[in-house]
Amino acid sequence: MIADSASDLEAARLLTLACAEEIDRLSAQGARDKIAMIKVTGPELTARVVDRAVQVSIYANVCSRMCVAIICSNTLHAIR
């Protein structure tokens, strides 16, 4: 689970960097496809990482279910 989350975060980071590089090279108008990709995949990858973190926290009894629910709700609300 941790490796999957690390892979998702790295994919989002690399896509963001590729998008920024293309914006610098071609302008925002020329990088519309990359911008669209990051708008779709960024929140999806983030939600998967948060979901895995919640599962691990509950499994390890790190904090109560209410604590995890509040953290998850706040995080997912922030990325939407």
PDB file of N, CA and C in Angstrom:
ATOM      1  N   MET A   1       0.813  -1.193   0.000  1.00  0.00           N
ATOM      2  CA  MET A   1       0.000   0.000   0.000  1.00  0.00           C
ATOM      3  C   MET A   1       0.859   1.262   0.000  1.00  0.00           C
ATOM      4  N   ILE A   2       1.917   1.242   0.767  1.00  0.00           N
ATOM      5  CA  ILE A   2       2.776   2.423   0.842  1.00  0.00           C
ATOM      6  C   ILE A   2       3.481   2.646  -0.493  1.00  0.00           C
ATOM      7  N   ALA A   3       3.927   1.560  -1.118  1.00  0.00           N
ATOM      8  CA  ALA A   3       4.585   1.698  -2.426  1.00  0.00           C
ATOM      9  C   ALA A   3       3.603   2.209  -3.480  1.00  0.00           C
ATOM     10  N   ASP A   4       2.362   1.747  -3.427  1.00  0.00           N
ATOM     11  CA  ASP A   4       1.349   2.236  -4.364  1.00  0.00           C
ATOM     12  C   ASP A   4       1.110   3.732  -4.167  1.00  0.00           C
ATOM     13  N   SER A   5       1.038   4.156  -2.931  1.00  0.00           N
ATOM     14  CA  SER A   5       0.824   5.579  -2.643  1.00  0.00           C
ATOM     15  C   SER A   5       2.020   6.408  -3.098  1.00  0.00           C
ATOM     16  N   ALA A   6       3.213   5.902  -2.854  1.00  0.00           N
ATOM     17  CA  ALA A   6       4.408   6.614  -3.301  1.00  0.00           C
ATOM     18  C   ALA A   6       4.436   6.721  -4.827  1.00  0.00           C
ATOM     19  N   SER A   7       4.025   5.665  -5.509  1.00  0.00           N
ATOM     20  CA  SER A   7       3.964   5.690  -6.973  1.00  0.00           C
ATOM     21  C   SER A   7       2.941   6.710  -7.467  1.00  0.00           C
ATOM     22  N   ASP A   8       1.786   6.758  -6.812  1.00  0.00           N
ATOM     23  CA  ASP A   8       0.757   7.726  -7.210  1.00  0.00           C
ATOM     24  C   ASP A   8       1.238   9.159  -6.998  1.00  0.00           C
ATOM     25  N   LEU A   9       1.886   9.404  -5.869  1.00  0.00           N
ATOM     26  CA  LEU A   9       2.397  10.754  -5.606  1.00  0.00           C
ATOM     27  C   LEU A   9       3.480  11.147  -6.607  1.00  0.00           C
ATOM     28  N   GLU A  10       4.353  10.201  -6.932  1.00  0.00           N
ATOM     29  CA  GLU A  10       5.410  10.484  -7.900  1.00  0.00           C
ATOM     30  C   GLU A  10       4.828  10.733  -9.292  1.00  0.00           C
ATOM     31  N   ALA A  11       3.807   9.971  -9.663  1.00  0.00           N
ATOM     32  CA  ALA A  11       3.162  10.177 -10.961  1.00  0.00           C
ATOM     33  C   ALA A  11       2.524  11.562 -11.036  1.00  0.00           C
ATOM     34  N   ALA A  12       1.858  11.961  -9.972  1.00  0.00           N
ATOM     35  CA  ALA A  12       1.237  13.293  -9.955  1.00  0.00           C
ATOM     36  C   ALA A  12       2.301  14.385 -10.012  1.00  0.00           C
ATOM     37  N   ARG A  13       3.397  14.184  -9.299  1.00  0.00           N
ATOM     38  CA  ARG A  13       4.480  15.168  -9.294  1.00  0.00           C
ATOM     39  C   ARG A  13       5.100  15.305 -10.681  1.00  0.00           C
ATOM     40  N   LEU A  14       5.383  14.170 -11.316  1.00  0.00           N
ATOM     41  CA  LEU A  14       6.005  14.207 -12.639  1.00  0.00           C
ATOM     42  C   LEU A  14       5.072  14.792 -13.692  1.00  0.00           C
ATOM     43  N   LEU A  15       3.787  14.481 -13.600  1.00  0.00           N
ATOM     44  CA  LEU A  15       2.830  15.052 -14.539  1.00  0.00           C
ATOM     45  C   LEU A  15       2.725  16.559 -14.344  1.00  0.00           C
ATOM     46  N   THR A  16       2.770  17.000 -13.101  1.00  0.00           N
ATOM     47  CA  THR A  16       2.734  18.433 -12.817  1.00  0.00           C
ATOM     48  C   THR A  16       3.971  19.132 -13.380  1.00  0.00           C
ATOM     49  N   LEU A  17       5.137  18.526 -13.185  1.00  0.00           N
ATOM     50  CA  LEU A  17       6.367  19.113 -13.719  1.00  0.00           C
ATOM     51  C   LEU A  17       6.362  19.142 -15.249  1.00  0.00           C
ATOM     52  N   ALA A  18       5.870  18.079 -15.878  1.00  0.00           N
ATOM     53  CA  ALA A  18       5.792  18.049 -17.335  1.00  0.00           C
ATOM     54  C   ALA A  18       4.831  19.117 -17.847  1.00  0.00           C
ATOM     55  N   CYS A  19       3.748  19.301 -17.130  1.00  0.00           N
ATOM     56  CA  CYS A  19       2.769  20.330 -17.499  1.00  0.00           C
ATOM     57  C   CYS A  19       3.384  21.720 -17.374  1.00  0.00           C
ATOM     58  N   ALA A  20       4.086  21.965 -16.276  1.00  0.00           N
ATOM     59  CA  ALA A  20       4.718  23.274 -16.073  1.00  0.00           C
ATOM     60  C   ALA A  20       5.777  23.544 -17.141  1.00  0.00           C
ATOM     61  N   GLU A  21       6.539  22.525 -17.503  1.00  0.00           N
ATOM     62  CA  GLU A  21       7.565  22.692 -18.538  1.00  0.00           C
ATOM     63  C   GLU A  21       6.926  23.018 -19.887  1.00  0.00           C
ATOM     64  N   GLU A  22       5.820  22.350 -20.186  1.00  0.00           N
ATOM     65  CA  GLU A  22       5.151  22.605 -21.459  1.00  0.00           C
ATOM     66  C   GLU A  22       4.499  23.991 -21.476  1.00  0.00           C
ATOM     67  N   ILE A  23       3.997  24.435 -20.336  1.00  0.00           N
ATOM     68  CA  ILE A  23       3.451  25.796 -20.252  1.00  0.00           C
ATOM     69  C   ILE A  23       4.559  26.814 -20.512  1.00  0.00           C
ATOM     70  N   ASP A  24       5.739  26.570 -19.928  1.00  0.00           N
ATOM     71  CA  ASP A  24       6.869  27.473 -20.153  1.00  0.00           C
ATOM     72  C   ASP A  24       7.278  27.500 -21.626  1.00  0.00           C
ATOM     73  N   ARG A  25       7.254  26.336 -22.270  1.00  0.00           N
ATOM     74  CA  ARG A  25       7.677  26.238 -23.656  1.00  0.00           C
ATOM     75  C   ARG A  25       6.643  26.745 -24.649  1.00  0.00           C
ATOM     76  N   LEU A  26       5.382  26.348 -24.443  1.00  0.00           N
ATOM     77  CA  LEU A  26       4.357  26.594 -25.457  1.00  0.00           C
ATOM     78  C   LEU A  26       3.278  27.586 -25.041  1.00  0.00           C
ATOM     79  N   SER A  27       3.285  28.051 -23.850  1.00  0.00           N
ATOM     80  CA  SER A  27       2.236  28.880 -23.258  1.00  0.00           C
ATOM     81  C   SER A  27       1.085  27.985 -22.790  1.00  0.00           C
ATOM     82  N   ALA A  28       0.199  28.568 -22.015  1.00  0.00           N
ATOM     83  CA  ALA A  28      -0.918  27.802 -21.456  1.00  0.00           C
ATOM     84  C   ALA A  28      -1.827  27.274 -22.561  1.00  0.00           C
ATOM     85  N   GLN A  29      -1.978  28.051 -23.622  1.00  0.00           N
ATOM     86  CA  GLN A  29      -2.840  27.620 -24.721  1.00  0.00           C
ATOM     87  C   GLN A  29      -2.279  26.365 -25.398  1.00  0.00           C
ATOM     88  N   GLY A  30      -0.964  26.296 -25.529  1.00  0.00           N
ATOM     89  CA  GLY A  30      -0.345  25.145 -26.169  1.00  0.00           C
ATOM     90  C   GLY A  30      -0.273  23.918 -25.287  1.00  0.00           C
ATOM     91  N   ALA A  31      -0.429  24.108 -23.996  1.00  0.00           N
ATOM     92  CA  ALA A  31      -0.331  22.993 -23.046  1.00  0.00           C
ATOM     93  C   ALA A  31      -1.694  22.567 -22.522  1.00  0.00           C
ATOM     94  N   ARG A  32      -2.739  22.868 -23.257  1.00  0.00           N
ATOM     95  CA  ARG A  32      -4.092  22.583 -22.777  1.00  0.00           C
ATOM     96  C   ARG A  32      -4.316  21.103 -22.487  1.00  0.00           C
ATOM     97  N   ASP A  33      -3.715  20.218 -23.292  1.00  0.00           N
ATOM     98  CA  ASP A  33      -3.914  18.786 -23.056  1.00  0.00           C
ATOM     99  C   ASP A  33      -3.277  18.340 -21.743  1.00  0.00           C
ATOM    100  N   LYS A  34      -2.079  18.839 -21.457  1.00  0.00           N
ATOM    101  CA  LYS A  34      -1.415  18.488 -20.193  1.00  0.00           C
ATOM    102  C   LYS A  34      -2.157  19.083 -18.993  1.00  0.00           C
ATOM    103  N   ILE A  35      -2.648  20.297 -19.153  1.00  0.00           N
ATOM    104  CA  ILE A  35      -3.407  20.934 -18.078  1.00  0.00           C
ATOM    105  C   ILE A  35      -4.661  20.124 -17.782  1.00  0.00           C
ATOM    106  N   ALA A  36      -5.336  19.666 -18.822  1.00  0.00           N
ATOM    107  CA  ALA A  36      -6.535  18.848 -18.634  1.00  0.00           C
ATOM    108  C   ALA A  36      -6.200  17.534 -17.936  1.00  0.00           C
ATOM    109  N   MET A  37      -5.071  16.930 -18.330  1.00  0.00           N
ATOM    110  CA  MET A  37      -4.676  15.663 -17.699  1.00  0.00           C
ATOM    111  C   MET A  37      -4.419  15.838 -16.210  1.00  0.00           C
ATOM    112  N   ILE A  38      -3.718  16.899 -15.828  1.00  0.00           N
ATOM    113  CA  ILE A  38      -3.402  17.080 -14.417  1.00  0.00           C
ATOM    114  C   ILE A  38      -4.647  17.443 -13.616  1.00  0.00           C
ATOM    115  N   LYS A  39      -5.591  18.138 -14.241  1.00  0.00           N
ATOM    116  CA  LYS A  39      -6.839  18.458 -13.550  1.00  0.00           C
ATOM    117  C   LYS A  39      -7.656  17.210 -13.255  1.00  0.00           C
ATOM    118  N   VAL A  40      -7.547  16.217 -14.125  1.00  0.00           N
ATOM    119  CA  VAL A  40      -8.297  14.972 -13.929  1.00  0.00           C
ATOM    120  C   VAL A  40      -7.550  14.016 -13.016  1.00  0.00           C
ATOM    121  N   THR A  41      -6.267  13.793 -13.301  1.00  0.00           N
ATOM    122  CA  THR A  41      -5.531  12.765 -12.566  1.00  0.00           C
ATOM    123  C   THR A  41      -5.049  13.211 -11.195  1.00  0.00           C
ATOM    124  N   GLY A  42      -4.767  14.496 -11.025  1.00  0.00           N
ATOM    125  CA  GLY A  42      -4.277  14.968  -9.722  1.00  0.00           C
ATOM    126  C   GLY A  42      -5.229  14.659  -8.572  1.00  0.00           C
ATOM    127  N   PRO A  43      -6.470  15.096  -8.650  1.00  0.00           N
ATOM    128  CA  PRO A  43      -7.411  14.773  -7.575  1.00  0.00           C
ATOM    129  C   PRO A  43      -7.678  13.274  -7.427  1.00  0.00           C
ATOM    130  N   GLU A  44      -7.695  12.549  -8.546  1.00  0.00           N
ATOM    131  CA  GLU A  44      -7.933  11.108  -8.476  1.00  0.00           C
ATOM    132  C   GLU A  44      -6.794  10.403  -7.736  1.00  0.00           C
ATOM    133  N   LEU A  45      -5.562  10.749  -8.089  1.00  0.00           N
ATOM    134  CA  LEU A  45      -4.416  10.143  -7.416  1.00  0.00           C
ATOM    135  C   LEU A  45      -4.368  10.533  -5.943  1.00  0.00           C
ATOM    136  N   THR A  46      -4.674  11.778  -5.649  1.00  0.00           N
ATOM    137  CA  THR A  46      -4.689  12.237  -4.264  1.00  0.00           C
ATOM    138  C   THR A  46      -5.748  11.505  -3.455  1.00  0.00           C
ATOM    139  N   ALA A  47      -6.914  11.324  -4.018  1.00  0.00           N
ATOM    140  CA  ALA A  47      -7.986  10.616  -3.316  1.00  0.00           C
ATOM    141  C   ALA A  47      -7.590   9.169  -3.033  1.00  0.00           C
ATOM    142  N   ARG A  48      -6.883   8.541  -3.985  1.00  0.00           N
ATOM    143  CA  ARG A  48      -6.433   7.165  -3.746  1.00  0.00           C
ATOM    144  C   ARG A  48      -5.415   7.101  -2.611  1.00  0.00           C
ATOM    145  N   VAL A  49      -4.509   8.070  -2.565  1.00  0.00           N
ATOM    146  CA  VAL A  49      -3.513   8.103  -1.491  1.00  0.00           C
ATOM    147  C   VAL A  49      -4.197   8.316  -0.142  1.00  0.00           C
ATOM    148  N   VAL A  50      -5.145   9.239  -0.090  1.00  0.00           N
ATOM    149  CA  VAL A  50      -5.879   9.498   1.163  1.00  0.00           C
ATOM    150  C   VAL A  50      -6.651   8.256   1.588  1.00  0.00           C
ATOM    151  N   ASP A  51      -7.285   7.586   0.640  1.00  0.00           N
ATOM    152  CA  ASP A  51      -8.041   6.379   0.960  1.00  0.00           C
ATOM    153  C   ASP A  51      -7.136   5.311   1.554  1.00  0.00           C
ATOM    154  N   ARG A  52      -5.972   5.120   0.958  1.00  0.00           N
ATOM    155  CA  ARG A  52      -5.033   4.131   1.503  1.00  0.00           C
ATOM    156  C   ARG A  52      -4.538   4.530   2.887  1.00  0.00           C
ATOM    157  N   ALA A  53      -4.288   5.819   3.085  1.00  0.00           N
ATOM    158  CA  ALA A  53      -3.833   6.287   4.397  1.00  0.00           C
ATOM    159  C   ALA A  53      -4.898   6.036   5.464  1.00  0.00           C
ATOM    160  N   VAL A  54      -6.146   6.251   5.106  1.00  0.00           N
ATOM    161  CA  VAL A  54      -7.246   5.987   6.039  1.00  0.00           C
ATOM    162  C   VAL A  54      -7.293   4.501   6.380  1.00  0.00           C
ATOM    163  N   GLN A  55      -7.179   3.654   5.366  1.00  0.00           N
ATOM    164  CA  GLN A  55      -7.215   2.214   5.615  1.00  0.00           C
ATOM    165  C   GLN A  55      -6.079   1.772   6.524  1.00  0.00           C
ATOM    166  N   VAL A  56      -4.883   2.271   6.279  1.00  0.00           N
ATOM    167  CA  VAL A  56      -3.723   1.905   7.102  1.00  0.00           C
ATOM    168  C   VAL A  56      -3.905   2.421   8.528  1.00  0.00           C
ATOM    169  N   SER A  57      -4.399   3.650   8.676  1.00  0.00           N
ATOM    170  CA  SER A  57      -4.593   4.229  10.011  1.00  0.00           C
ATOM    171  C   SER A  57      -5.610   3.443  10.823  1.00  0.00           C
ATOM    172  N   ILE A  58      -6.693   3.050  10.182  1.00  0.00           N
ATOM    173  CA  ILE A  58      -7.712   2.269  10.889  1.00  0.00           C
ATOM    174  C   ILE A  58      -7.164   0.896  11.245  1.00  0.00           C
ATOM    175  N   TYR A  59      -6.472   0.265  10.305  1.00  0.00           N
ATOM    176  CA  TYR A  59      -5.920  -1.065  10.546  1.00  0.00           C
ATOM    177  C   TYR A  59      -4.913  -1.042  11.691  1.00  0.00           C
ATOM    178  N   ALA A  60      -4.098  -0.007  11.748  1.00  0.00           N
ATOM    179  CA  ALA A  60      -3.053   0.082  12.774  1.00  0.00           C
ATOM    180  C   ALA A  60      -3.563   0.694  14.075  1.00  0.00           C
ATOM    181  N   ASN A  61      -4.838   1.075  14.127  1.00  0.00           N
ATOM    182  CA  ASN A  61      -5.422   1.715  15.306  1.00  0.00           C
ATOM    183  C   ASN A  61      -4.645   2.955  15.725  1.00  0.00           C
ATOM    184  N   VAL A  62      -4.213   3.740  14.742  1.00  0.00           N
ATOM    185  CA  VAL A  62      -3.458   4.958  15.019  1.00  0.00           C
ATOM    186  C   VAL A  62      -4.360   6.003  15.656  1.00  0.00           C
ATOM    187  N   CYS A  63      -5.554   6.137  15.143  1.00  0.00           N
ATOM    188  CA  CYS A  63      -6.514   7.056  15.740  1.00  0.00           C
ATOM    189  C   CYS A  63      -7.916   6.505  15.543  1.00  0.00           C
ATOM    190  N   SER A  64      -8.865   7.119  16.175  1.00  0.00           N
ATOM    191  CA  SER A  64     -10.236   6.616  16.124  1.00  0.00           C
ATOM    192  C   SER A  64     -10.831   6.787  14.739  1.00  0.00           C
ATOM    193  N   ARG A  65     -11.898   6.087  14.484  1.00  0.00           N
ATOM    194  CA  ARG A  65     -12.578   6.190  13.186  1.00  0.00           C
ATOM    195  C   ARG A  65     -13.106   7.605  12.960  1.00  0.00           C
ATOM    196  N   MET A  66     -13.543   8.270  14.025  1.00  0.00           N
ATOM    197  CA  MET A  66     -14.055   9.635  13.889  1.00  0.00           C
ATOM    198  C   MET A  66     -12.928  10.579  13.462  1.00  0.00           C
ATOM    199  N   CYS A  67     -11.764  10.430  14.057  1.00  0.00           N
ATOM    200  CA  CYS A  67     -10.602  11.250  13.697  1.00  0.00           C
ATOM    201  C   CYS A  67     -10.247  11.052  12.227  1.00  0.00           C
ATOM    202  N   VAL A  68     -10.198   9.807  11.778  1.00  0.00           N
ATOM    203  CA  VAL A  68      -9.869   9.494  10.385  1.00  0.00           C
ATOM    204  C   VAL A  68     -10.935  10.041   9.451  1.00  0.00           C
ATOM    205  N   ALA A  69     -12.195   9.930   9.837  1.00  0.00           N
ATOM    206  CA  ALA A  69     -13.283  10.438   8.992  1.00  0.00           C
ATOM    207  C   ALA A  69     -13.182  11.948   8.816  1.00  0.00           C
ATOM    208  N   ILE A  70     -12.851  12.664   9.869  1.00  0.00           N
ATOM    209  CA  ILE A  70     -12.714  14.123   9.789  1.00  0.00           C
ATOM    210  C   ILE A  70     -11.539  14.498   8.890  1.00  0.00           C
ATOM    211  N   ILE A  71     -10.412  13.844   9.075  1.00  0.00           N
ATOM    212  CA  ILE A  71      -9.231  14.127   8.249  1.00  0.00           C
ATOM    213  C   ILE A  71      -9.526  13.830   6.784  1.00  0.00           C
ATOM    214  N   CYS A  72     -10.142  12.702   6.519  1.00  0.00           N
ATOM    215  CA  CYS A  72     -10.459  12.312   5.149  1.00  0.00           C
ATOM    216  C   CYS A  72     -11.437  13.300   4.522  1.00  0.00           C
ATOM    217  N   SER A  73     -12.451  13.665   5.256  1.00  0.00           N
ATOM    218  CA  SER A  73     -13.453  14.596   4.739  1.00  0.00           C
ATOM    219  C   SER A  73     -12.826  15.947   4.408  1.00  0.00           C
ATOM    220  N   ASN A  74     -12.010  16.470   5.304  1.00  0.00           N
ATOM    221  CA  ASN A  74     -11.361  17.762   5.074  1.00  0.00           C
ATOM    222  C   ASN A  74     -10.411  17.715   3.885  1.00  0.00           C
ATOM    223  N   THR A  75      -9.659  16.641   3.761  1.00  0.00           N
ATOM    224  CA  THR A  75      -8.696  16.526   2.673  1.00  0.00           C
ATOM    225  C   THR A  75      -9.400  16.415   1.326  1.00  0.00           C
ATOM    226  N   LEU A  76     -10.403  15.540   1.252  1.00  0.00           N
ATOM    227  CA  LEU A  76     -11.096  15.363  -0.010  1.00  0.00           C
ATOM    228  C   LEU A  76     -11.879  16.618  -0.396  1.00  0.00           C
ATOM    229  N   HIS A  77     -12.396  17.328   0.588  1.00  0.00           N
ATOM    230  CA  HIS A  77     -13.097  18.575   0.298  1.00  0.00           C
ATOM    231  C   HIS A  77     -12.123  19.620  -0.277  1.00  0.00           C
ATOM    232  N   ALA A  78     -10.900  19.617   0.238  1.00  0.00           N
ATOM    233  CA  ALA A  78      -9.903  20.598  -0.203  1.00  0.00           C
ATOM    234  C   ALA A  78      -9.437  20.347  -1.641  1.00  0.00           C
ATOM    235  N   ILE A  79      -9.408  19.093  -2.076  1.00  0.00           N
ATOM    236  CA  ILE A  79      -8.898  18.826  -3.427  1.00  0.00           C
ATOM    237  C   ILE A  79      -9.971  18.876  -4.494  1.00  0.00           C
ATOM    238  N   ARG A  80     -11.204  18.994  -4.096  1.00  0.00           N
ATOM    239  CA  ARG A  80     -12.281  19.068  -5.107  1.00  0.00           C
ATOM    240  C   ARG A  80     -12.573  20.447  -5.499  1.00  0.00           C
TER     241      ARG A  80
END
